[in-house]
Amino acid sequence: MENKILFLGDKESPLLEWLLSIGEFVIQTSEKITPKFVHSNSVNFIVSYGYRHIIKKDVLEIFPNRAINLHISYLPFNRGGILTSGVL
């Protein structure tokens, strides 16, 4: 069985480039995902880096111990992006 990684983040990410360079099968999106999207793409691991959406509980329940979120700043400082409206 081939592992499929769902990479949530920018298509220009150096992390995505690295995953591909070591031979991983990766599907990338920066769009909001749903359980239907996950099942239709048969992914079995999530890596989130710079993803601008909250991953809902119904999606995370599909991936017990198989999802990782990498955050580039200290938490709780800089806990999310700020849009011009001030609302995420």
PDB file of N, CA and C in Angstrom:
ATOM      1  N   MET A   1       0.839  -1.185   0.000  1.00  0.00           N
ATOM      2  CA  MET A   1       0.000   0.000   0.000  1.00  0.00           C
ATOM      3  C   MET A   1       0.883   1.247   0.000  1.00  0.00           C
ATOM      4  N   GLU A   2       0.693   2.102  -0.957  1.00  0.00           N
ATOM      5  CA  GLU A   2       1.467   3.326  -1.060  1.00  0.00           C
ATOM      6  C   GLU A   2       0.870   4.395  -0.150  1.00  0.00           C
ATOM      7  N   ASN A   3       1.737   5.073   0.610  1.00  0.00           N
ATOM      8  CA  ASN A   3       1.275   6.173   1.441  1.00  0.00           C
ATOM      9  C   ASN A   3       1.011   7.388   0.585  1.00  0.00           C
ATOM     10  N   LYS A   4      -0.078   8.077   0.879  1.00  0.00           N
ATOM     11  CA  LYS A   4      -0.383   9.347   0.237  1.00  0.00           C
ATOM     12  C   LYS A   4      -0.454  10.403   1.321  1.00  0.00           C
ATOM     13  N   ILE A   5       0.352  11.419   1.172  1.00  0.00           N
ATOM     14  CA  ILE A   5       0.376  12.520   2.123  1.00  0.00           C
ATOM     15  C   ILE A   5      -0.454  13.662   1.557  1.00  0.00           C
ATOM     16  N   LEU A   6      -1.339  14.189   2.366  1.00  0.00           N
ATOM     17  CA  LEU A   6      -2.067  15.400   2.006  1.00  0.00           C
ATOM     18  C   LEU A   6      -1.313  16.559   2.630  1.00  0.00           C
ATOM     19  N   PHE A   7      -0.696  17.382   1.780  1.00  0.00           N
ATOM     20  CA  PHE A   7       0.043  18.550   2.251  1.00  0.00           C
ATOM     21  C   PHE A   7      -0.870  19.750   2.174  1.00  0.00           C
ATOM     22  N   LEU A   8      -1.149  20.346   3.335  1.00  0.00           N
ATOM     23  CA  LEU A   8      -2.005  21.522   3.409  1.00  0.00           C
ATOM     24  C   LEU A   8      -1.116  22.744   3.567  1.00  0.00           C
ATOM     25  N   GLY A   9      -1.043  23.536   2.507  1.00  0.00           N
ATOM     26  CA  GLY A   9      -0.192  24.722   2.529  1.00  0.00           C
ATOM     27  C   GLY A   9       0.126  25.166   1.120  1.00  0.00           C
ATOM     28  N   ASP A  10       1.029  26.106   1.024  1.00  0.00           N
ATOM     29  CA  ASP A  10       1.385  26.727  -0.246  1.00  0.00           C
ATOM     30  C   ASP A  10       2.131  25.773  -1.164  1.00  0.00           C
ATOM     31  N   LYS A  11       1.811  25.829  -2.450  1.00  0.00           N
ATOM     32  CA  LYS A  11       2.459  24.942  -3.421  1.00  0.00           C
ATOM     33  C   LYS A  11       3.935  25.277  -3.629  1.00  0.00           C
ATOM     34  N   GLU A  12       4.370  26.440  -3.154  1.00  0.00           N
ATOM     35  CA  GLU A  12       5.779  26.840  -3.264  1.00  0.00           C
ATOM     36  C   GLU A  12       6.553  26.542  -1.982  1.00  0.00           C
ATOM     37  N   SER A  13       5.973  25.820  -1.051  1.00  0.00           N
ATOM     38  CA  SER A  13       6.607  25.545   0.239  1.00  0.00           C
ATOM     39  C   SER A  13       7.860  24.684   0.082  1.00  0.00           C
ATOM     40  N   PRO A  14       8.939  25.042   0.783  1.00  0.00           N
ATOM     41  CA  PRO A  14      10.135  24.193   0.750  1.00  0.00           C
ATOM     42  C   PRO A  14       9.878  22.821   1.380  1.00  0.00           C
ATOM     43  N   LEU A  15       8.933  22.735   2.303  1.00  0.00           N
ATOM     44  CA  LEU A  15       8.602  21.442   2.900  1.00  0.00           C
ATOM     45  C   LEU A  15       7.952  20.524   1.875  1.00  0.00           C
ATOM     46  N   LEU A  16       7.060  21.054   1.063  1.00  0.00           N
ATOM     47  CA  LEU A  16       6.450  20.273  -0.016  1.00  0.00           C
ATOM     48  C   LEU A  16       7.527  19.813  -0.994  1.00  0.00           C
ATOM     49  N   GLU A  17       8.409  20.710  -1.359  1.00  0.00           N
ATOM     50  CA  GLU A  17       9.506  20.368  -2.272  1.00  0.00           C
ATOM     51  C   GLU A  17      10.351  19.233  -1.696  1.00  0.00           C
ATOM     52  N   TRP A  18      10.635  19.289  -0.388  1.00  0.00           N
ATOM     53  CA  TRP A  18      11.432  18.251   0.252  1.00  0.00           C
ATOM     54  C   TRP A  18      10.702  16.915   0.246  1.00  0.00           C
ATOM     55  N   LEU A  19       9.415  16.906   0.597  1.00  0.00           N
ATOM     56  CA  LEU A  19       8.649  15.664   0.595  1.00  0.00           C
ATOM     57  C   LEU A  19       8.684  15.000  -0.784  1.00  0.00           C
ATOM     58  N   LEU A  20       8.526  15.801  -1.822  1.00  0.00           N
ATOM     59  CA  LEU A  20       8.569  15.263  -3.183  1.00  0.00           C
ATOM     60  C   LEU A  20       9.970  14.762  -3.534  1.00  0.00           C
ATOM     61  N   SER A  21      11.002  15.471  -3.064  1.00  0.00           N
ATOM     62  CA  SER A  21      12.379  15.088  -3.404  1.00  0.00           C
ATOM     63  C   SER A  21      12.802  13.760  -2.784  1.00  0.00           C
ATOM     64  N   ILE A  22      12.156  13.367  -1.684  1.00  0.00           N
ATOM     65  CA  ILE A  22      12.502  12.083  -1.064  1.00  0.00           C
ATOM     66  C   ILE A  22      11.576  10.966  -1.532  1.00  0.00           C
ATOM     67  N   GLY A  23      10.761  11.270  -2.545  1.00  0.00           N
ATOM     68  CA  GLY A  23       9.963  10.236  -3.177  1.00  0.00           C
ATOM     69  C   GLY A  23       8.584   9.990  -2.594  1.00  0.00           C
ATOM     70  N   GLU A  24       8.107  10.894  -1.750  1.00  0.00           N
ATOM     71  CA  GLU A  24       6.763  10.725  -1.192  1.00  0.00           C
ATOM     72  C   GLU A  24       5.708  11.071  -2.242  1.00  0.00           C
ATOM     73  N   PHE A  25       4.572  10.369  -2.176  1.00  0.00           N
ATOM     74  CA  PHE A  25       3.423  10.691  -3.022  1.00  0.00           C
ATOM     75  C   PHE A  25       2.611  11.735  -2.269  1.00  0.00           C
ATOM     76  N   VAL A  26       2.527  12.951  -2.818  1.00  0.00           N
ATOM     77  CA  VAL A  26       1.922  14.067  -2.100  1.00  0.00           C
ATOM     78  C   VAL A  26       0.835  14.718  -2.943  1.00  0.00           C
ATOM     79  N   ILE A  27      -0.286  14.975  -2.289  1.00  0.00           N
ATOM     80  CA  ILE A  27      -1.354  15.790  -2.865  1.00  0.00           C
ATOM     81  C   ILE A  27      -1.328  17.101  -2.099  1.00  0.00           C
ATOM     82  N   GLN A  28      -1.287  18.222  -2.806  1.00  0.00           N
ATOM     83  CA  GLN A  28      -1.184  19.526  -2.161  1.00  0.00           C
ATOM     84  C   GLN A  28      -2.457  20.328  -2.389  1.00  0.00           C
ATOM     85  N   THR A  29      -2.893  21.034  -1.362  1.00  0.00           N
ATOM     86  CA  THR A  29      -3.959  22.012  -1.517  1.00  0.00           C
ATOM     87  C   THR A  29      -3.814  23.081  -0.451  1.00  0.00           C
ATOM     88  N   SER A  30      -4.270  24.264  -0.755  1.00  0.00           N
ATOM     89  CA  SER A  30      -4.366  25.321   0.244  1.00  0.00           C
ATOM     90  C   SER A  30      -5.834  25.672   0.477  1.00  0.00           C
ATOM     91  N   GLU A  31      -6.725  24.945  -0.202  1.00  0.00           N
ATOM     92  CA  GLU A  31      -8.168  25.148  -0.048  1.00  0.00           C
ATOM     93  C   GLU A  31      -8.684  24.415   1.182  1.00  0.00           C
ATOM     94  N   LYS A  32      -9.844  24.819   1.665  1.00  0.00           N
ATOM     95  CA  LYS A  32     -10.477  24.154   2.798  1.00  0.00           C
ATOM     96  C   LYS A  32     -10.824  22.717   2.416  1.00  0.00           C
ATOM     97  N   ILE A  33     -10.561  21.777   3.327  1.00  0.00           N
ATOM     98  CA  ILE A  33     -10.825  20.369   3.017  1.00  0.00           C
ATOM     99  C   ILE A  33     -12.015  19.845   3.819  1.00  0.00           C
ATOM    100  N   THR A  34     -12.592  18.756   3.315  1.00  0.00           N
ATOM    101  CA  THR A  34     -13.732  18.087   3.939  1.00  0.00           C
ATOM    102  C   THR A  34     -13.431  16.595   4.017  1.00  0.00           C
ATOM    103  N   PRO A  35     -14.196  15.849   4.810  1.00  0.00           N
ATOM    104  CA  PRO A  35     -14.019  14.393   4.814  1.00  0.00           C
ATOM    105  C   PRO A  35     -14.204  13.791   3.415  1.00  0.00           C
ATOM    106  N   LYS A  36     -15.120  14.332   2.635  1.00  0.00           N
ATOM    107  CA  LYS A  36     -15.342  13.828   1.279  1.00  0.00           C
ATOM    108  C   LYS A  36     -14.075  13.978   0.433  1.00  0.00           C
ATOM    109  N   PHE A  37     -13.418  15.125   0.536  1.00  0.00           N
ATOM    110  CA  PHE A  37     -12.171  15.355  -0.195  1.00  0.00           C
ATOM    111  C   PHE A  37     -11.114  14.329   0.216  1.00  0.00           C
ATOM    112  N   VAL A  38     -10.980  14.114   1.520  1.00  0.00           N
ATOM    113  CA  VAL A  38      -9.988  13.164   2.048  1.00  0.00           C
ATOM    114  C   VAL A  38     -10.253  11.762   1.513  1.00  0.00           C
ATOM    115  N   HIS A  39     -11.494  11.305   1.615  1.00  0.00           N
ATOM    116  CA  HIS A  39     -11.828   9.955   1.162  1.00  0.00           C
ATOM    117  C   HIS A  39     -11.682   9.802  -0.354  1.00  0.00           C
ATOM    118  N   SER A  40     -12.080  10.809  -1.104  1.00  0.00           N
ATOM    119  CA  SER A  40     -12.003  10.693  -2.565  1.00  0.00           C
ATOM    120  C   SER A  40     -10.560  10.670  -3.072  1.00  0.00           C
ATOM    121  N   ASN A  41      -9.626  11.195  -2.280  1.00  0.00           N
ATOM    122  CA  ASN A  41      -8.214  11.188  -2.669  1.00  0.00           C
ATOM    123  C   ASN A  41      -7.408  10.093  -1.978  1.00  0.00           C
ATOM    124  N   SER A  42      -8.061   9.296  -1.141  1.00  0.00           N
ATOM    125  CA  SER A  42      -7.427   8.152  -0.455  1.00  0.00           C
ATOM    126  C   SER A  42      -6.120   8.509   0.233  1.00  0.00           C
ATOM    127  N   VAL A  43      -6.093   9.658   0.908  1.00  0.00           N
ATOM    128  CA  VAL A  43      -4.878  10.030   1.638  1.00  0.00           C
ATOM    129  C   VAL A  43      -4.873   9.353   2.999  1.00  0.00           C
ATOM    130  N   ASN A  44      -3.665   9.124   3.523  1.00  0.00           N
ATOM    131  CA  ASN A  44      -3.595   8.473   4.823  1.00  0.00           C
ATOM    132  C   ASN A  44      -2.693   9.192   5.818  1.00  0.00           C
ATOM    133  N   PHE A  45      -2.272  10.404   5.494  1.00  0.00           N
ATOM    134  CA  PHE A  45      -1.493  11.207   6.425  1.00  0.00           C
ATOM    135  C   PHE A  45      -1.640  12.671   6.039  1.00  0.00           C
ATOM    136  N   ILE A  46      -1.711  13.563   7.030  1.00  0.00           N
ATOM    137  CA  ILE A  46      -1.806  15.002   6.775  1.00  0.00           C
ATOM    138  C   ILE A  46      -0.576  15.702   7.334  1.00  0.00           C
ATOM    139  N   VAL A  47      -0.007  16.603   6.537  1.00  0.00           N
ATOM    140  CA  VAL A  47       1.011  17.530   7.004  1.00  0.00           C
ATOM    141  C   VAL A  47       0.490  18.926   6.687  1.00  0.00           C
ATOM    142  N   SER A  48       0.367  19.741   7.723  1.00  0.00           N
ATOM    143  CA  SER A  48      -0.119  21.106   7.565  1.00  0.00           C
ATOM    144  C   SER A  48       1.009  22.073   7.900  1.00  0.00           C
ATOM    145  N   TYR A  49       1.292  22.987   6.957  1.00  0.00           N
ATOM    146  CA  TYR A  49       2.350  23.973   7.168  1.00  0.00           C
ATOM    147  C   TYR A  49       1.967  25.255   6.432  1.00  0.00           C
ATOM    148  N   GLY A  50       1.585  26.264   7.187  1.00  0.00           N
ATOM    149  CA  GLY A  50       1.162  27.520   6.571  1.00  0.00           C
ATOM    150  C   GLY A  50      -0.255  27.462   6.038  1.00  0.00           C
ATOM    151  N   TYR A  51      -1.036  26.496   6.487  1.00  0.00           N
ATOM    152  CA  TYR A  51      -2.429  26.330   6.042  1.00  0.00           C
ATOM    153  C   TYR A  51      -3.285  27.384   6.717  1.00  0.00           C
ATOM    154  N   ARG A  52      -4.128  28.068   5.954  1.00  0.00           N
ATOM    155  CA  ARG A  52      -4.890  29.218   6.449  1.00  0.00           C
ATOM    156  C   ARG A  52      -6.284  28.871   6.964  1.00  0.00           C
ATOM    157  N   HIS A  53      -6.610  27.589   7.077  1.00  0.00           N
ATOM    158  CA  HIS A  53      -7.939  27.180   7.531  1.00  0.00           C
ATOM    159  C   HIS A  53      -7.819  26.287   8.758  1.00  0.00           C
ATOM    160  N   ILE A  54      -8.859  26.298   9.575  1.00  0.00           N
ATOM    161  CA  ILE A  54      -8.918  25.392  10.714  1.00  0.00           C
ATOM    162  C   ILE A  54      -9.336  24.024  10.198  1.00  0.00           C
ATOM    163  N   ILE A  55      -8.605  22.995  10.592  1.00  0.00           N
ATOM    164  CA  ILE A  55      -8.958  21.626  10.199  1.00  0.00           C
ATOM    165  C   ILE A  55     -10.018  21.134  11.174  1.00  0.00           C
ATOM    166  N   LYS A  56     -11.176  20.821  10.659  1.00  0.00           N
ATOM    167  CA  LYS A  56     -12.320  20.450  11.488  1.00  0.00           C
ATOM    168  C   LYS A  56     -12.144  19.067  12.113  1.00  0.00           C
ATOM    169  N   LYS A  57     -12.845  18.872  13.221  1.00  0.00           N
ATOM    170  CA  LYS A  57     -12.777  17.628  13.974  1.00  0.00           C
ATOM    171  C   LYS A  57     -13.153  16.423  13.110  1.00  0.00           C
ATOM    172  N   ASP A  58     -14.175  16.567  12.236  1.00  0.00           N
ATOM    173  CA  ASP A  58     -14.597  15.427  11.407  1.00  0.00           C
ATOM    174  C   ASP A  58     -13.505  14.982  10.439  1.00  0.00           C
ATOM    175  N   VAL A  59     -12.612  15.884  10.059  1.00  0.00           N
ATOM    176  CA  VAL A  59     -11.469  15.509   9.220  1.00  0.00           C
ATOM    177  C   VAL A  59     -10.389  14.860  10.083  1.00  0.00           C
ATOM    178  N   LEU A  60     -10.070  15.468  11.215  1.00  0.00           N
ATOM    179  CA  LEU A  60      -9.017  14.926  12.076  1.00  0.00           C
ATOM    180  C   LEU A  60      -9.347  13.538  12.604  1.00  0.00           C
ATOM    181  N   GLU A  61     -10.616  13.251  12.806  1.00  0.00           N
ATOM    182  CA  GLU A  61     -11.011  11.923  13.294  1.00  0.00           C
ATOM    183  C   GLU A  61     -10.668  10.810  12.304  1.00  0.00           C
ATOM    184  N   ILE A  62     -10.498  11.150  11.049  1.00  0.00           N
ATOM    185  CA  ILE A  62     -10.119  10.175  10.025  1.00  0.00           C
ATOM    186  C   ILE A  62      -8.643   9.784  10.175  1.00  0.00           C
ATOM    187  N   PHE A  63      -7.854  10.630  10.842  1.00  0.00           N
ATOM    188  CA  PHE A  63      -6.398  10.475  10.918  1.00  0.00           C
ATOM    189  C   PHE A  63      -5.888  10.381  12.353  1.00  0.00           C
ATOM    190  N   PRO A  64      -6.330   9.396  13.143  1.00  0.00           N
ATOM    191  CA  PRO A  64      -5.799   9.315  14.507  1.00  0.00           C
ATOM    192  C   PRO A  64      -4.283   9.074  14.475  1.00  0.00           C
ATOM    193  N   ASN A  65      -3.538   9.965  15.101  1.00  0.00           N
ATOM    194  CA  ASN A  65      -2.078   9.888  15.173  1.00  0.00           C
ATOM    195  C   ASN A  65      -1.398   9.926  13.806  1.00  0.00           C
ATOM    196  N   ARG A  66      -2.069  10.504  12.818  1.00  0.00           N
ATOM    197  CA  ARG A  66      -1.478  10.587  11.471  1.00  0.00           C
ATOM    198  C   ARG A  66      -1.637  11.978  10.868  1.00  0.00           C
ATOM    199  N   ALA A  67      -1.651  12.996  11.706  1.00  0.00           N
ATOM    200  CA  ALA A  67      -1.730  14.374  11.228  1.00  0.00           C
ATOM    201  C   ALA A  67      -0.772  15.220  12.043  1.00  0.00           C
ATOM    202  N   ILE A  68      -0.068  16.112  11.355  1.00  0.00           N
ATOM    203  CA  ILE A  68       0.877  16.989  12.041  1.00  0.00           C
ATOM    204  C   ILE A  68       0.704  18.404  11.509  1.00  0.00           C
ATOM    205  N   ASN A  69       0.724  19.359  12.444  1.00  0.00           N
ATOM    206  CA  ASN A  69       0.650  20.766  12.091  1.00  0.00           C
ATOM    207  C   ASN A  69       1.958  21.417  12.519  1.00  0.00           C
ATOM    208  N   LEU A  70       2.660  21.992  11.585  1.00  0.00           N
ATOM    209  CA  LEU A  70       3.909  22.691  11.876  1.00  0.00           C
ATOM    210  C   LEU A  70       3.619  24.182  11.897  1.00  0.00           C
ATOM    211  N   HIS A  71       4.028  24.840  12.969  1.00  0.00           N
ATOM    212  CA  HIS A  71       3.755  26.260  13.136  1.00  0.00           C
ATOM    213  C   HIS A  71       5.083  26.992  13.195  1.00  0.00           C
ATOM    214  N   ILE A  72       5.212  28.061  12.431  1.00  0.00           N
ATOM    215  CA  ILE A  72       6.517  28.707  12.281  1.00  0.00           C
ATOM    216  C   ILE A  72       6.823  29.771  13.330  1.00  0.00           C
ATOM    217  N   SER A  73       5.906  30.010  14.266  1.00  0.00           N
ATOM    218  CA  SER A  73       6.191  31.013  15.290  1.00  0.00           C
ATOM    219  C   SER A  73       5.874  30.465  16.675  1.00  0.00           C
ATOM    220  N   TYR A  74       6.304  31.197  17.675  1.00  0.00           N
ATOM    221  CA  TYR A  74       6.000  30.807  19.037  1.00  0.00           C
ATOM    222  C   TYR A  74       4.515  30.994  19.304  1.00  0.00           C
ATOM    223  N   LEU A  75       3.925  29.998  19.943  1.00  0.00           N
ATOM    224  CA  LEU A  75       2.524  30.100  20.336  1.00  0.00           C
ATOM    225  C   LEU A  75       2.462  30.473  21.815  1.00  0.00           C
ATOM    226  N   PRO A  76       1.546  31.266  22.268  1.00  0.00           N
ATOM    227  CA  PRO A  76       0.369  31.768  21.569  1.00  0.00           C
ATOM    228  C   PRO A  76       0.614  33.044  20.772  1.00  0.00           C
ATOM    229  N   PHE A  77       1.845  33.564  20.773  1.00  0.00           N
ATOM    230  CA  PHE A  77       2.145  34.749  19.975  1.00  0.00           C
ATOM    231  C   PHE A  77       2.048  34.383  18.500  1.00  0.00           C
ATOM    232  N   ASN A  78       1.579  35.295  17.700  1.00  0.00           N
ATOM    233  CA  ASN A  78       1.444  35.065  16.252  1.00  0.00           C
ATOM    234  C   ASN A  78       0.670  33.789  15.961  1.00  0.00           C
ATOM    235  N   ARG A  79      -0.447  33.602  16.639  1.00  0.00           N
ATOM    236  CA  ARG A  79      -1.200  32.360  16.520  1.00  0.00           C
ATOM    237  C   ARG A  79      -1.975  32.208  15.223  1.00  0.00           C
ATOM    238  N   GLY A  80      -2.005  33.230  14.397  1.00  0.00           N
ATOM    239  CA  GLY A  80      -2.705  33.109  13.124  1.00  0.00           C
ATOM    240  C   GLY A  80      -2.473  34.329  12.280  1.00  0.00           C
ATOM    241  N   GLY A  81      -2.830  34.204  10.997  1.00  0.00           N
ATOM    242  CA  GLY A  81      -2.662  35.327  10.092  1.00  0.00           C
ATOM    243  C   GLY A  81      -3.673  36.419  10.371  1.00  0.00           C
ATOM    244  N   ILE A  82      -3.305  37.627  10.085  1.00  0.00           N
ATOM    245  CA  ILE A  82      -4.217  38.757  10.244  1.00  0.00           C
ATOM    246  C   ILE A  82      -4.549  39.269   8.863  1.00  0.00           C
ATOM    247  N   LEU A  83      -5.835  39.318   8.568  1.00  0.00           N
ATOM    248  CA  LEU A  83      -6.296  39.860   7.312  1.00  0.00           C
ATOM    249  C   LEU A  83      -6.565  41.355   7.498  1.00  0.00           C
ATOM    250  N   THR A  84      -6.772  42.065   6.421  1.00  0.00           N
ATOM    251  CA  THR A  84      -6.990  43.509   6.530  1.00  0.00           C
ATOM    252  C   THR A  84      -8.230  43.836   7.341  1.00  0.00           C
ATOM    253  N   SER A  85      -9.210  42.937   7.388  1.00  0.00           N
ATOM    254  CA  SER A  85     -10.405  43.175   8.191  1.00  0.00           C
ATOM    255  C   SER A  85     -10.165  42.855   9.659  1.00  0.00           C
ATOM    256  N   GLY A  86      -9.038  42.220   9.972  1.00  0.00           N
ATOM    257  CA  GLY A  86      -8.755  41.831  11.339  1.00  0.00           C
ATOM    258  C   GLY A  86      -9.448  40.557  11.764  1.00  0.00           C
ATOM    259  N   VAL A  87     -10.113  39.877  10.830  1.00  0.00           N
ATOM    260  CA  VAL A  87     -10.853  38.663  11.140  1.00  0.00           C
ATOM    261  C   VAL A  87     -10.325  37.538  10.271  1.00  0.00           C
ATOM    262  N   LEU A  88     -10.145  36.369  10.866  1.00  0.00           N
ATOM    263  CA  LEU A  88      -9.722  35.207  10.096  1.00  0.00           C
ATOM    264  C   LEU A  88     -10.891  34.548   9.437  1.00  0.00           C
TER     265      LEU A  88
END
